[in-house]
N, C-alpha and C. Protein backbone atom coordinates (compact mmCIF):
# COMPACT_ATOMS: atom_id res chain seq x y z
N UNK A 1 -6.27 -3.84 -18.52
CA UNK A 1 -5.41 -4.34 -17.62
C UNK A 1 -5.84 -4.95 -16.48
N UNK A 2 -5.39 -6.77 -16.20
CA UNK A 2 -5.82 -6.46 -15.09
C UNK A 2 -4.72 -6.73 -13.65
N UNK A 3 -5.39 -5.98 -12.98
CA UNK A 3 -4.41 -5.39 -11.79
C UNK A 3 -5.13 -6.39 -10.67
N UNK A 4 -3.90 -6.84 -9.55
CA UNK A 4 -3.88 -7.15 -8.03
C UNK A 4 -3.73 -6.60 -7.32
N UNK A 5 -4.58 -6.37 -6.44
CA UNK A 5 -4.87 -5.33 -5.42
C UNK A 5 -4.75 -5.99 -4.00
N UNK A 6 -4.15 -5.80 -3.04
CA UNK A 6 -3.92 -6.60 -1.90
C UNK A 6 -4.94 -5.98 -0.54
N UNK A 7 -5.40 -5.97 -0.22
CA UNK A 7 -6.39 -5.38 1.34
C UNK A 7 -6.99 -4.24 1.09
N UNK A 8 -8.26 -4.68 -0.40
CA UNK A 8 -8.81 -4.65 -1.09
C UNK A 8 -10.82 -3.75 -0.02
N UNK A 9 -10.59 -4.02 1.23
CA UNK A 9 -11.93 -4.25 1.65
C UNK A 9 -11.99 -2.78 3.11
N UNK A 10 -11.27 -2.23 2.69
CA UNK A 10 -11.14 -0.93 3.26
C UNK A 10 -10.33 -0.39 2.78
N UNK A 11 -10.45 1.76 3.40
CA UNK A 11 -9.69 2.20 3.42
C UNK A 11 -8.29 2.94 1.96
N UNK A 12 -7.20 2.27 1.81
CA UNK A 12 -6.44 2.74 0.80
C UNK A 12 -6.99 1.73 -0.80
N UNK A 13 -6.99 0.62 -0.15
CA UNK A 13 -7.25 -0.46 -0.81
C UNK A 13 -8.43 -0.63 -1.77
N UNK A 14 -9.40 -0.12 -1.16
CA UNK A 14 -10.76 0.07 -1.07
C UNK A 14 -10.95 1.02 -2.60
N UNK A 15 -9.92 2.06 -2.04
CA UNK A 15 -10.64 3.78 -3.28
C UNK A 15 -9.71 2.97 -4.27
N UNK A 16 -8.38 2.39 -4.22
CA UNK A 16 -8.01 2.34 -5.29
C UNK A 16 -8.38 1.29 -5.90
N UNK A 17 -9.26 -0.15 -5.69
CA UNK A 17 -9.51 -1.10 -6.67
C UNK A 17 -11.11 0.08 -7.27
N UNK A 18 -11.38 0.65 -6.66
CA UNK A 18 -12.15 1.36 -7.36
C UNK A 18 -11.96 2.54 -8.33
N UNK A 19 -10.66 2.72 -7.95
CA UNK A 19 -10.42 3.85 -8.62
C UNK A 19 -9.58 3.52 -10.38
N UNK A 20 -9.53 2.17 -10.13
CA UNK A 20 -9.54 1.29 -11.35
C UNK A 20 -10.18 0.76 -11.68
N UNK A 21 -11.12 -0.07 -11.15
CA UNK A 21 -12.80 -0.50 -11.73
C UNK A 21 -13.43 1.23 -12.61
N UNK A 22 -13.59 2.03 -12.44
CA UNK A 22 -13.85 2.99 -13.18
C UNK A 22 -13.41 3.71 -14.22
N UNK A 23 -12.32 3.20 -14.09
CA UNK A 23 -11.33 2.90 -15.37
C UNK A 23 -11.29 2.21 -16.06
N UNK A 24 -12.24 0.95 -16.02
CA UNK A 24 -12.13 0.39 -17.03
C UNK A 24 -11.83 -0.97 -16.73
N UNK A 25 -10.68 -0.99 -15.39
CA UNK A 25 -9.81 -2.52 -15.62
C UNK A 25 -10.09 -3.47 -15.14
N UNK A 26 -9.99 -4.20 -15.30
CA UNK A 26 -10.50 -5.97 -14.23
C UNK A 26 -9.45 -5.80 -13.12
N UNK A 27 -10.03 -6.02 -12.14
CA UNK A 27 -9.45 -5.83 -10.65
C UNK A 27 -10.08 -7.47 -10.08
N UNK A 28 -8.51 -8.09 -8.98
CA UNK A 28 -9.10 -8.99 -8.38
C UNK A 28 -8.13 -8.54 -6.93
N UNK A 29 -9.24 -8.39 -5.87
CA UNK A 29 -8.82 -8.17 -4.72
C UNK A 29 -8.50 -9.01 -3.69
N UNK A 30 -7.61 -8.99 -2.70
CA UNK A 30 -7.10 -9.81 -1.78
C UNK A 30 -7.24 -9.52 -0.18
N UNK A 31 -8.02 -10.35 0.36
CA UNK A 31 -8.62 -9.60 1.84
C UNK A 31 -8.81 -10.43 2.31
N UNK A 32 -8.33 -10.05 4.37
CA UNK A 32 -9.07 -11.17 5.26
C UNK A 32 -10.64 -10.57 5.39
N UNK A 33 -10.90 -10.08 5.07
CA UNK A 33 -12.05 -9.40 4.63
C UNK A 33 -13.38 -9.84 3.92
N UNK A 34 -14.46 -9.75 4.30
CA UNK A 34 -15.26 -10.16 2.80
C UNK A 34 -15.63 -8.07 1.94
N UNK A 35 -15.63 -9.07 0.78
CA UNK A 35 -15.43 -7.89 -0.52
C UNK A 35 -16.53 -6.56 0.24
N UNK A 36 -16.08 -5.47 -0.10
CA UNK A 36 -16.31 -3.95 0.42
C UNK A 36 -17.27 -3.78 -1.25
N UNK A 37 -16.89 -4.47 -1.43
CA UNK A 37 -17.46 -4.05 -3.64
C UNK A 37 -17.79 -4.59 -4.15
N UNK A 38 -18.70 -4.60 -4.97
CA UNK A 38 -19.74 -5.04 -6.19
C UNK A 38 -20.08 -4.51 -7.35
N UNK A 39 -18.56 -5.30 -8.25
CA UNK A 39 -18.91 -4.63 -9.05
C UNK A 39 -18.47 -6.08 -10.60
N UNK A 40 -19.27 -5.93 -11.47
CA UNK A 40 -18.57 -7.07 -12.92
C UNK A 40 -17.16 -7.27 -12.86
N UNK A 41 -16.48 -6.16 -12.33
CA UNK A 41 -15.05 -6.71 -13.09
C UNK A 41 -14.16 -6.72 -11.62
N UNK A 42 -14.69 -6.91 -11.12
CA UNK A 42 -14.08 -7.32 -9.76
C UNK A 42 -14.27 -8.52 -9.11
N UNK A 43 -13.34 -9.70 -8.86
CA UNK A 43 -13.29 -10.62 -8.02
C UNK A 43 -12.27 -10.49 -6.65
N UNK A 44 -12.74 -10.39 -5.66
CA UNK A 44 -12.82 -10.91 -4.20
C UNK A 44 -11.82 -12.22 -3.38
N UNK A 45 -10.99 -12.48 -3.46
CA UNK A 45 -10.40 -13.78 -2.64
C UNK A 45 -9.91 -13.06 -1.42
N UNK A 46 -10.56 -14.17 -0.78
CA UNK A 46 -10.95 -13.59 1.50
C UNK A 46 -9.27 -14.84 1.53
N UNK A 47 -8.68 -14.12 1.61
CA UNK A 47 -6.71 -15.03 1.81
C UNK A 47 -6.20 -13.98 3.42
N UNK A 48 -5.07 -15.03 3.61
CA UNK A 48 -3.92 -14.22 4.49
C UNK A 48 -2.69 -13.97 3.20
N UNK A 49 -2.51 -13.15 3.54
CA UNK A 49 -1.06 -12.72 2.66
C UNK A 49 -0.08 -13.40 2.80
N UNK A 50 0.08 -13.77 3.90
CA UNK A 50 1.62 -14.39 4.68
C UNK A 50 1.42 -15.96 4.14
N UNK A 51 -0.45 -17.11 4.11
CA UNK A 51 -0.63 -17.67 3.74
C UNK A 51 -0.13 -17.88 2.41
N UNK A 52 0.16 -18.62 1.49
CA UNK A 52 1.38 -19.03 -0.09
C UNK A 52 -0.03 -20.19 -0.20
N UNK A 53 0.19 -20.96 0.45
CA UNK A 53 -1.14 -21.95 0.19
C UNK A 53 -2.30 -21.91 -0.83
N UNK A 54 -2.39 -20.24 0.19
CA UNK A 54 -3.82 -20.08 -0.23
C UNK A 54 -3.75 -19.60 -1.36
N UNK A 55 -2.91 -18.65 -1.96
CA UNK A 55 -3.31 -18.26 -3.13
C UNK A 55 -3.95 -19.23 -4.89
N UNK A 56 -4.55 -18.08 -5.53
CA UNK A 56 -5.00 -18.73 -6.50
C UNK A 56 -3.90 -19.10 -7.68
N UNK A 57 -3.59 -20.10 -8.63
CA UNK A 57 -2.80 -20.23 -9.56
C UNK A 57 -3.35 -19.69 -10.57
N UNK A 58 -5.22 -19.03 -10.47
CA UNK A 58 -5.37 -18.25 -12.04
C UNK A 58 -5.50 -16.92 -11.91
N UNK A 59 -4.15 -16.17 -11.40
CA UNK A 59 -4.02 -15.01 -11.35
C UNK A 59 -3.19 -14.58 -11.85
N UNK A 60 -3.13 -13.82 -12.74
CA UNK A 60 -1.39 -13.02 -13.38
C UNK A 60 -1.72 -11.70 -14.08
N UNK A 61 -1.05 -11.21 -12.88
CA UNK A 61 -1.99 -8.88 -13.06
C UNK A 61 -0.64 -8.97 -13.96
N UNK A 62 -1.36 -7.93 -14.86
CA UNK A 62 -0.56 -7.00 -15.92
C UNK A 62 0.23 -5.94 -14.39
N UNK A 63 -0.21 -5.49 -13.06
CA UNK A 63 -0.06 -4.63 -12.01
C UNK A 63 -0.82 -5.22 -11.04
N UNK A 64 0.42 -5.14 -10.26
CA UNK A 64 0.58 -5.70 -8.54
C UNK A 64 0.68 -5.09 -8.02
N UNK A 65 -0.13 -4.23 -6.67
CA UNK A 65 -0.90 -3.03 -5.96
C UNK A 65 -0.52 -3.94 -4.53
N UNK A 66 0.90 -3.93 -4.26
CA UNK A 66 0.42 -4.61 -2.55
C UNK A 66 0.23 -3.87 -1.81
N UNK A 67 -0.90 -3.28 -0.93
CA UNK A 67 -1.48 -2.38 -0.01
C UNK A 67 -2.12 -3.02 1.54
N UNK A 68 -2.28 -4.46 1.60
CA UNK A 68 -2.65 -4.93 2.90
C UNK A 68 -0.97 -4.75 3.70
N UNK A 69 -2.21 -4.25 4.86
CA UNK A 69 -1.04 -4.25 5.80
C UNK A 69 -1.91 -4.17 7.30
N UNK A 70 -0.57 -4.26 8.38
CA UNK A 70 -1.39 -3.71 9.89
C UNK A 70 -0.61 -2.86 10.15
N UNK A 71 -1.38 -2.84 11.45
CA UNK A 71 -0.96 -1.63 12.32
C UNK A 71 -0.62 -2.13 13.67
N UNK A 72 0.73 -2.54 14.55
CA UNK A 72 0.77 -2.39 15.77
C UNK A 72 -0.30 -4.37 16.23
N UNK A 73 -0.17 -5.32 15.40
CA UNK A 73 -0.72 -6.48 15.70
C UNK A 73 0.06 -7.60 16.01
N UNK A 74 1.00 -7.28 16.53
CA UNK A 74 1.86 -8.37 17.03
C UNK A 74 2.68 -9.15 15.65
N UNK A 75 1.56 -8.84 14.36
CA UNK A 75 2.49 -9.59 13.83
C UNK A 75 2.63 -8.57 11.98
N UNK A 76 3.31 -7.04 12.68
CA UNK A 76 3.53 -6.39 11.87
C UNK A 76 4.67 -6.92 10.55
N UNK A 77 5.91 -7.50 10.98
CA UNK A 77 6.32 -7.69 10.02
C UNK A 77 6.46 -8.76 9.50
N UNK A 78 5.16 -9.60 10.08
CA UNK A 78 5.23 -10.95 8.98
C UNK A 78 4.32 -10.47 8.34
N UNK A 79 3.06 -9.75 8.14
CA UNK A 79 1.92 -8.74 7.29
C UNK A 79 2.62 -8.04 6.32
N UNK A 80 2.86 -6.68 6.71
CA UNK A 80 3.37 -6.00 5.87
C UNK A 80 4.89 -6.03 5.22
N UNK A 81 5.76 -6.95 5.58
CA UNK A 81 7.01 -7.15 4.94
C UNK A 81 6.55 -8.62 4.40
N UNK A 82 6.56 -9.57 4.66
CA UNK A 82 6.95 -10.45 4.50
C UNK A 82 5.51 -11.75 3.84
N UNK A 83 4.83 -10.92 4.17
CA UNK A 83 3.54 -11.22 3.20
C UNK A 83 3.72 -10.45 1.73
N UNK A 84 3.79 -9.84 1.76
CA UNK A 84 4.50 -8.88 0.92
C UNK A 84 5.16 -9.01 -0.68
N UNK A 85 6.71 -9.26 0.17
CA UNK A 85 7.51 -10.20 -0.23
C UNK A 85 6.79 -11.37 -1.04
N UNK A 86 6.34 -12.73 0.12
CA UNK A 86 5.91 -13.86 -1.04
C UNK A 86 4.46 -13.60 -2.10
N UNK A 87 3.44 -12.10 -1.49
CA UNK A 87 2.73 -12.20 -2.66
C UNK A 87 3.53 -11.69 -4.23
N UNK A 88 4.51 -10.34 -3.92
CA UNK A 88 5.36 -10.20 -5.97
C UNK A 88 6.08 -11.59 -5.60
N UNK A 89 6.50 -12.25 -5.06
CA UNK A 89 7.07 -12.98 -6.19
C UNK A 89 6.73 -14.19 -6.54
N UNK A 90 4.91 -14.29 -6.34
CA UNK A 90 4.52 -15.34 -6.79
C UNK A 90 4.29 -14.07 -8.28
N UNK A 91 3.75 -13.01 -7.85
CA UNK A 91 2.78 -12.64 -8.81
C UNK A 91 3.32 -12.12 -9.83
N UNK A 92 4.46 -11.03 -9.39
CA UNK A 92 5.31 -10.45 -9.88
C UNK A 92 6.07 -10.78 -10.22
N UNK A 93 7.46 -11.35 -9.67
CA UNK A 93 8.92 -11.85 -10.16
C UNK A 93 8.65 -13.62 -11.24
N UNK A 94 7.89 -14.34 -10.71
CA UNK A 94 7.38 -15.13 -11.57
C UNK A 94 6.41 -15.26 -12.19
N UNK A 95 6.00 -13.78 -12.59
CA UNK A 95 5.52 -13.08 -13.66
C UNK A 95 4.97 -12.97 -15.03
N UNK A 96 5.32 -13.81 -16.37
CA UNK A 96 5.56 -12.96 -17.09
C UNK A 96 5.22 -11.59 -17.94
N UNK A 97 3.69 -11.83 -17.91
CA UNK A 97 2.44 -10.38 -17.68
C UNK A 97 3.13 -9.44 -16.72
N UNK A 98 3.62 -8.91 -16.07
CA UNK A 98 4.26 -8.00 -15.10
C UNK A 98 4.81 -6.88 -15.48
N UNK A 99 3.57 -5.71 -15.23
CA UNK A 99 4.26 -4.71 -16.04
C UNK A 99 4.28 -3.69 -15.40
N UNK A 100 3.93 -3.85 -14.14
CA UNK A 100 4.02 -2.53 -12.67
C UNK A 100 3.59 -2.85 -10.87
N UNK A 101 4.54 -2.64 -10.29
CA UNK A 101 4.46 -2.61 -9.26
C UNK A 101 4.16 -1.80 -7.93
N UNK A 102 3.24 -1.67 -7.45
CA UNK A 102 3.36 -0.56 -6.39
C UNK A 102 3.16 -0.75 -5.08
N UNK A 103 4.33 -0.65 -3.78
CA UNK A 103 3.90 -0.78 -2.85
C UNK A 103 3.08 0.22 -1.89
N UNK A 104 2.80 -0.23 -0.88
CA UNK A 104 2.04 0.71 -0.35
C UNK A 104 3.18 0.44 0.68
N UNK A 105 3.70 2.11 1.37
CA UNK A 105 4.48 1.90 2.53
C UNK A 105 4.18 2.65 2.92
N UNK A 106 5.61 3.32 3.71
CA UNK A 106 4.50 4.58 5.00
C UNK A 106 5.47 5.51 4.87
N UNK A 107 5.12 6.73 5.51
CA UNK A 107 6.39 7.66 5.63
C UNK A 107 6.72 7.27 6.65
N UNK A 108 6.56 6.53 7.49
CA UNK A 108 7.18 5.93 9.37
C UNK A 108 8.53 5.59 8.58
N UNK A 109 8.75 5.26 7.49
CA UNK A 109 9.77 4.00 7.30
C UNK A 109 10.71 4.92 6.53
N UNK A 110 10.10 6.66 6.55
CA UNK A 110 11.47 7.79 6.16
C UNK A 110 12.30 8.32 7.48
N UNK A 111 11.10 7.85 8.36
CA UNK A 111 11.43 8.72 9.77
C UNK A 111 11.99 8.09 11.13
N UNK A 112 11.35 7.64 10.77
CA UNK A 112 10.75 5.99 11.85
C UNK A 112 10.04 6.06 12.84
N UNK A 113 9.32 7.11 12.78
CA UNK A 113 7.76 7.71 13.53
C UNK A 113 6.61 6.50 12.86
N UNK A 114 7.36 5.56 14.25
CA UNK A 114 6.11 5.03 14.30
C UNK A 114 6.41 4.34 15.29
N UNK A 115 5.01 2.93 16.38
CA UNK A 115 5.18 1.92 16.80
C UNK A 115 6.77 0.85 16.11
N UNK A 116 7.35 0.71 17.20
CA UNK A 116 8.86 0.05 16.36
C UNK A 116 8.76 -1.42 15.50
N UNK A 117 7.56 -1.77 15.54
CA UNK A 117 7.63 -2.91 13.98
C UNK A 117 7.06 -2.28 13.37
N UNK A 118 6.06 -1.58 13.08
CA UNK A 118 4.99 -0.99 11.58
C UNK A 118 6.63 -0.40 11.48
N UNK A 119 7.58 0.34 12.14
CA UNK A 119 8.48 1.12 11.53
C UNK A 119 9.12 0.50 10.74
N UNK A 120 8.96 -0.79 10.91
CA UNK A 120 10.28 -2.07 11.10
C UNK A 120 10.04 -2.75 10.18
N UNK A 121 8.66 -2.96 9.34
CA UNK A 121 8.08 -3.62 8.43
C UNK A 121 8.14 -2.70 6.97
N UNK A 122 7.78 -1.22 7.32
CA UNK A 122 7.96 -0.28 6.17
C UNK A 122 9.68 -0.16 5.38
N UNK A 123 10.00 -0.01 7.14
CA UNK A 123 11.11 -0.01 6.68
C UNK A 123 12.15 -1.06 5.45
N UNK A 124 11.32 -2.08 6.12
CA UNK A 124 11.91 -3.31 5.06
C UNK A 124 11.41 -3.25 3.38
N UNK A 125 9.80 -2.82 3.43
CA UNK A 125 9.70 -3.02 2.52
C UNK A 125 10.17 -1.85 1.42
N UNK A 126 10.88 -1.25 1.93
CA UNK A 126 11.76 0.38 0.61
C UNK A 126 12.73 -0.38 0.28
N UNK A 127 13.59 -1.23 1.32
CA UNK A 127 14.85 -1.76 0.23
C UNK A 127 14.20 -2.69 -0.56
N UNK A 128 13.15 -3.56 -0.03
CA UNK A 128 12.65 -4.84 -1.21
C UNK A 128 12.18 -4.06 -1.98
N UNK A 129 11.42 -2.70 -2.23
CA UNK A 129 11.09 -2.17 -3.68
C UNK A 129 12.23 -2.34 -4.23
N UNK A 130 13.10 -2.06 -4.17
CA UNK A 130 14.34 -1.94 -5.12
C UNK A 130 15.29 -2.88 -5.03
N UNK A 131 14.95 -4.14 -4.61
CA UNK A 131 15.10 -5.29 -4.65
C UNK A 131 15.40 -5.20 -6.23
N UNK A 132 13.34 -5.74 -5.80
CA UNK A 132 12.39 -6.06 -6.89
C UNK A 132 12.84 -5.35 -8.30
N UNK A 133 12.63 -4.18 -8.00
CA UNK A 133 12.90 -3.20 -9.06
C UNK A 133 14.48 -3.39 -10.23
N UNK A 134 15.30 -4.06 -9.18
CA UNK A 134 16.35 -5.04 -10.09
C UNK A 134 16.37 -5.86 -10.84
N UNK A 135 15.38 -6.24 -10.03
CA UNK A 135 15.56 -8.29 -11.05
C UNK A 135 14.03 -7.97 -11.88
N UNK A 136 12.93 -7.24 -12.09
CA UNK A 136 12.32 -6.72 -13.07
C UNK A 136 13.09 -6.39 -14.29
N UNK A 137 13.36 -5.47 -13.94
CA UNK A 137 13.72 -4.32 -15.26
C UNK A 137 14.42 -5.51 -16.10
N UNK A 138 13.95 -5.47 -17.83
CA UNK A 138 13.98 -4.12 -18.36
C UNK A 138 12.25 -4.14 -18.27
N UNK A 139 12.13 -5.64 -17.77
CA UNK A 139 9.98 -5.95 -18.38
C UNK A 139 9.54 -5.23 -17.43
N UNK A 140 9.38 -4.77 -16.17
CA UNK A 140 8.64 -4.41 -15.46
C UNK A 140 8.62 -3.07 -14.61
N UNK A 141 8.38 -1.92 -14.22
CA UNK A 141 8.79 -0.82 -13.26
C UNK A 141 8.25 -1.58 -11.12
N UNK A 142 8.73 -0.46 -10.52
CA UNK A 142 8.92 -1.30 -9.39
C UNK A 142 9.39 -0.05 -8.31
N UNK A 143 8.44 0.77 -7.84
CA UNK A 143 8.04 1.69 -6.86
C UNK A 143 7.01 1.64 -6.01
N UNK A 144 7.64 2.44 -5.09
CA UNK A 144 6.94 2.96 -3.62
C UNK A 144 6.23 3.83 -3.27
N UNK A 145 4.84 3.52 -2.78
CA UNK A 145 3.94 5.03 -2.05
C UNK A 145 4.08 5.07 -1.01
N UNK A 146 4.40 5.86 -0.46
CA UNK A 146 5.16 6.31 1.01
C UNK A 146 4.00 6.96 1.44
N UNK A 147 2.67 6.78 1.81
CA UNK A 147 1.45 8.43 2.83
C UNK A 147 1.88 8.23 3.95
N UNK A 148 1.67 9.54 4.57
CA UNK A 148 1.90 10.26 6.05
C UNK A 148 0.38 9.86 6.03
N UNK A 149 0.47 10.89 7.31
CA UNK A 149 -1.24 9.96 7.68
C UNK A 149 -2.35 10.34 6.91
N UNK A 150 -3.17 9.14 6.73
CA UNK A 150 -4.59 9.56 5.82
C UNK A 150 -5.57 8.80 6.17
N UNK A 151 -6.42 9.54 5.83
CA UNK A 151 -7.88 9.65 6.72
C UNK A 151 -8.64 8.26 6.31
N UNK A 152 -8.49 6.83 7.14
CA UNK A 152 -8.74 5.87 7.25
C UNK A 152 -9.15 5.59 8.57
N UNK A 153 -10.09 4.44 8.49
CA UNK A 153 -10.91 3.74 9.96
C UNK A 153 -9.02 3.04 10.80
N UNK A 154 -8.38 3.00 10.64
CA UNK A 154 -6.90 2.35 10.86
C UNK A 154 -6.60 3.53 11.67
N UNK A 155 -7.17 4.61 11.01
CA UNK A 155 -5.94 6.06 12.49
C UNK A 155 -6.97 6.95 12.81
N UNK A 156 -8.31 6.09 12.65
CA UNK A 156 -9.40 6.77 14.24
C UNK A 156 -9.44 7.13 15.68
N UNK A 157 -7.97 6.53 16.24
CA UNK A 157 -8.04 6.96 17.49
C UNK A 157 -7.24 8.16 17.31
N UNK A 158 -6.49 8.80 16.41
CA UNK A 158 -5.83 10.19 16.69
C UNK A 158 -7.08 10.75 15.50
N UNK A 159 -7.66 10.66 14.81
CA UNK A 159 -8.87 11.80 14.65
C UNK A 159 -9.75 11.65 15.15
N UNK A 160 -9.76 10.44 15.80
CA UNK A 160 -11.22 11.82 17.03
C UNK A 160 -10.86 12.24 18.23
N UNK A 161 -9.64 12.19 18.47
CA UNK A 161 -9.57 12.87 19.51
C UNK A 161 -8.71 14.34 19.30
N UNK A 162 -9.56 15.23 19.72
CA UNK A 162 -8.70 16.52 18.53
C UNK A 162 -7.80 17.10 19.51
N UNK A 163 -7.34 16.99 20.94
CA UNK A 163 -5.88 17.25 21.11
C UNK A 163 -5.27 17.01 20.77
N UNK A 164 -4.96 15.48 20.35
CA UNK A 164 -3.18 14.59 19.71
C UNK A 164 -4.03 14.54 17.82
N UNK A 165 -5.12 15.09 17.61
CA UNK A 165 -5.76 15.25 16.33
C UNK A 165 -4.33 16.82 16.12
N UNK A 166 -5.05 17.97 16.84
CA UNK A 166 -4.17 19.88 16.85
C UNK A 166 -2.61 19.58 16.61
N UNK A 167 -2.37 18.55 17.45
CA UNK A 167 -0.99 17.89 17.76
C UNK A 167 -0.34 17.87 15.96
N UNK A 168 -0.96 17.11 15.71
CA UNK A 168 -0.56 16.41 14.16
C UNK A 168 -0.66 17.38 13.36
N UNK A 169 -1.49 18.53 13.61
CA UNK A 169 -2.08 19.54 12.62
C UNK A 169 -1.00 20.59 12.38
N UNK A 170 -0.51 20.73 14.11
CA UNK A 170 0.85 21.22 14.07
C UNK A 170 2.16 20.74 13.71
N UNK A 171 2.31 19.59 13.43
CA UNK A 171 3.47 18.87 12.95
C UNK A 171 3.16 19.16 11.11
N UNK A 172 2.41 19.02 10.08
CA UNK A 172 1.75 18.81 9.49
C UNK A 172 1.96 20.04 8.85
N UNK A 173 3.08 20.41 7.89
CA UNK A 173 3.01 21.86 6.63
C UNK A 173 1.97 22.51 6.42
N UNK A 174 0.58 21.43 5.65
CA UNK A 174 -0.49 21.16 4.24
C UNK A 174 -1.54 21.43 5.49
N UNK A 175 -1.52 21.40 6.86
CA UNK A 175 -2.50 20.99 7.78
C UNK A 175 -3.70 20.50 7.49
N UNK A 176 -3.43 19.48 6.72
CA UNK A 176 -4.38 18.17 6.88
C UNK A 176 -3.65 16.78 5.89
N UNK A 177 -4.47 15.46 6.47
CA UNK A 177 -3.95 14.70 5.71
C UNK A 177 -4.51 14.02 4.80
N UNK A 178 -3.91 13.35 3.65
CA UNK A 178 -4.78 12.86 2.59
C UNK A 178 -5.77 11.91 2.90
N UNK A 179 -6.87 12.32 1.59
CA UNK A 179 -8.07 10.71 1.15
C UNK A 179 -6.99 9.92 1.15
N UNK A 180 -7.63 8.89 1.21
CA UNK A 180 -7.55 7.31 0.35
C UNK A 180 -7.63 7.58 -1.12
N UNK A 181 -8.29 8.57 -1.60
CA UNK A 181 -8.88 8.34 -2.98
C UNK A 181 -7.84 9.22 -3.85
N UNK A 182 -7.34 10.01 -2.82
CA UNK A 182 -5.68 11.00 -3.10
C UNK A 182 -4.62 9.76 -3.33
N UNK A 183 -4.44 9.14 -2.23
CA UNK A 183 -3.18 8.21 -2.66
C UNK A 183 -3.53 7.09 -3.55
N UNK A 184 -4.93 7.39 -4.09
CA UNK A 184 -5.53 6.12 -5.12
C UNK A 184 -4.64 7.09 -6.37
N UNK A 185 -4.50 8.27 -6.63
CA UNK A 185 -4.47 8.85 -7.69
C UNK A 185 -3.50 8.53 -7.91
N UNK A 186 -2.12 8.71 -6.93
CA UNK A 186 -1.38 8.42 -7.08
C UNK A 186 -0.71 7.22 -7.29
N UNK A 187 -0.89 6.37 -6.75
CA UNK A 187 -0.78 4.50 -6.87
C UNK A 187 -1.51 4.16 -8.68
N UNK A 188 -2.17 4.48 -9.11
CA UNK A 188 -2.49 4.37 -10.34
C UNK A 188 -1.35 5.69 -11.14
N UNK A 189 -1.16 7.19 -11.34
CA UNK A 189 0.00 7.18 -11.88
C UNK A 189 0.83 6.56 -12.01
N UNK A 190 1.95 6.54 -10.98
CA UNK A 190 3.55 5.44 -10.86
C UNK A 190 2.69 4.06 -11.32
N UNK A 191 1.83 3.59 -11.29
CA UNK A 191 1.75 2.08 -12.10
C UNK A 191 1.31 2.27 -13.51
N UNK A 192 0.82 3.26 -13.70
CA UNK A 192 -0.21 2.99 -15.13
C UNK A 192 0.68 3.76 -15.95
N UNK A 193 0.75 4.80 -16.02
CA UNK A 193 1.45 6.43 -16.47
C UNK A 193 2.91 5.86 -16.58
N UNK A 194 2.94 5.94 -15.65
CA UNK A 194 4.28 5.72 -15.09
C UNK A 194 5.26 4.80 -16.49
N UNK A 195 6.33 4.78 -16.95
CA UNK A 195 7.13 4.11 -17.41
C UNK A 195 8.89 3.83 -17.39
N UNK A 196 9.27 4.91 -17.07
CA UNK A 196 10.77 4.70 -17.12
C UNK A 196 11.17 5.56 -15.54
N UNK A 197 10.57 5.34 -14.40
CA UNK A 197 10.51 5.79 -12.70
C UNK A 197 10.80 4.44 -12.67
N UNK A 198 11.75 4.32 -11.76
CA UNK A 198 11.96 2.59 -10.93
C UNK A 198 12.93 2.52 -9.67
N UNK A 199 12.81 1.40 -9.05
CA UNK A 199 13.17 1.35 -7.60
C UNK A 199 13.51 2.43 -6.87
N UNK A 200 12.41 3.16 -6.68
CA UNK A 200 12.20 5.01 -5.85
C UNK A 200 10.60 5.05 -4.80
N UNK A 201 11.28 5.09 -4.24
CA UNK A 201 10.50 5.63 -2.55
C UNK A 201 9.99 7.03 -2.23
N UNK A 202 8.59 7.21 -3.08
CA UNK A 202 7.66 8.31 -2.92
C UNK A 202 7.47 8.59 -1.56
N UNK A 203 7.39 9.51 -1.19
CA UNK A 203 7.13 10.29 0.49
C UNK A 203 6.54 10.96 -0.30
N UNK A 204 4.88 11.24 0.61
CA UNK A 204 3.47 12.24 0.36
C UNK A 204 3.01 11.98 1.58
N UNK A 205 3.52 12.72 2.48
CA UNK A 205 2.83 13.10 3.65
C UNK A 205 2.73 14.74 4.20
N UNK A 206 2.15 15.27 3.13
CA UNK A 206 1.96 16.87 3.69
C UNK A 206 3.10 17.51 3.83
N UNK A 207 4.12 17.05 3.73
CA UNK A 207 5.74 17.62 4.51
C UNK A 207 6.06 17.47 6.06
N UNK A 208 4.88 16.42 6.73
CA UNK A 208 5.30 16.03 8.22
C UNK A 208 6.42 15.19 8.51
N UNK A 209 7.48 14.80 7.30
CA UNK A 209 8.85 13.95 7.60
C UNK A 209 9.47 15.53 8.02
N UNK A 210 9.63 16.43 8.39
CA UNK A 210 9.99 17.24 8.22
C UNK A 210 10.47 17.82 9.62
N UNK A 211 9.76 17.33 10.20
CA UNK A 211 9.59 17.81 11.42
C UNK A 211 8.68 16.69 12.25
N UNK A 212 9.53 15.13 12.49
CA UNK A 212 8.48 13.59 12.71
C UNK A 212 8.75 13.54 14.10
N UNK A 213 7.13 13.79 14.32
CA UNK A 213 7.53 12.90 16.02
C UNK A 213 5.51 12.26 16.42
N UNK A 214 6.46 10.91 16.52
CA UNK A 214 5.35 10.17 16.40
C UNK A 214 4.12 10.36 17.72
N UNK A 215 2.71 10.62 16.91
CA UNK A 215 1.37 11.25 18.12
C UNK A 215 0.76 9.88 17.61
N UNK A 216 -0.35 9.52 19.70
CA UNK A 216 -0.60 8.36 18.98
C UNK A 216 -1.28 7.73 20.79
N UNK A 217 -2.42 7.72 20.71
CA UNK A 217 -3.65 7.48 22.17
C UNK A 217 -2.14 6.96 23.39
N UNK A 218 -1.86 6.67 24.75
CA UNK A 218 -1.39 6.56 25.18
C UNK A 218 -1.90 4.36 25.63
């Protein structure tokens, strides 16, 4: 199948692109950074997902994975929410080939425990997931995967601070964070295997939401 993934140069997006490529899919990646993958079935487009004029017209994915996002950037709502909406309207709603959309949200959307604009952007994404699911049915499913802590470069400020890390682990019943590859497995299941669940927001956080507190560097 043809897959479009946003934010493929690192973290969850890169791991997801690799996961799909290993299973024989063709992947197009959108990112503001240069490619981090080299594979005959991978095509990379350098663009800002907020810039609709930069979207290539020759991309018609069967599965769209909205992963691109930022944190405490001053553009969280613009990129995480509005950019994702623009991508989805172009490559899913207006695309007759689409069969599944997966949004990569955040546990913060369920708990509010994050930077204010980040939490608001991901909260909006939960509702937009349901909106898109209603509009895409019955030809396609649309769901969000909402991770808690994931071992990515974005989270290094707390991962590398022993005091803060111990605080976070005390709030996480499973006493660990997910790897990007674990989240990629969830994305694959929801986007490829799943054909009956739609409009749902799946919280994957090691149980952290049961006692949510935002821990970060001052």
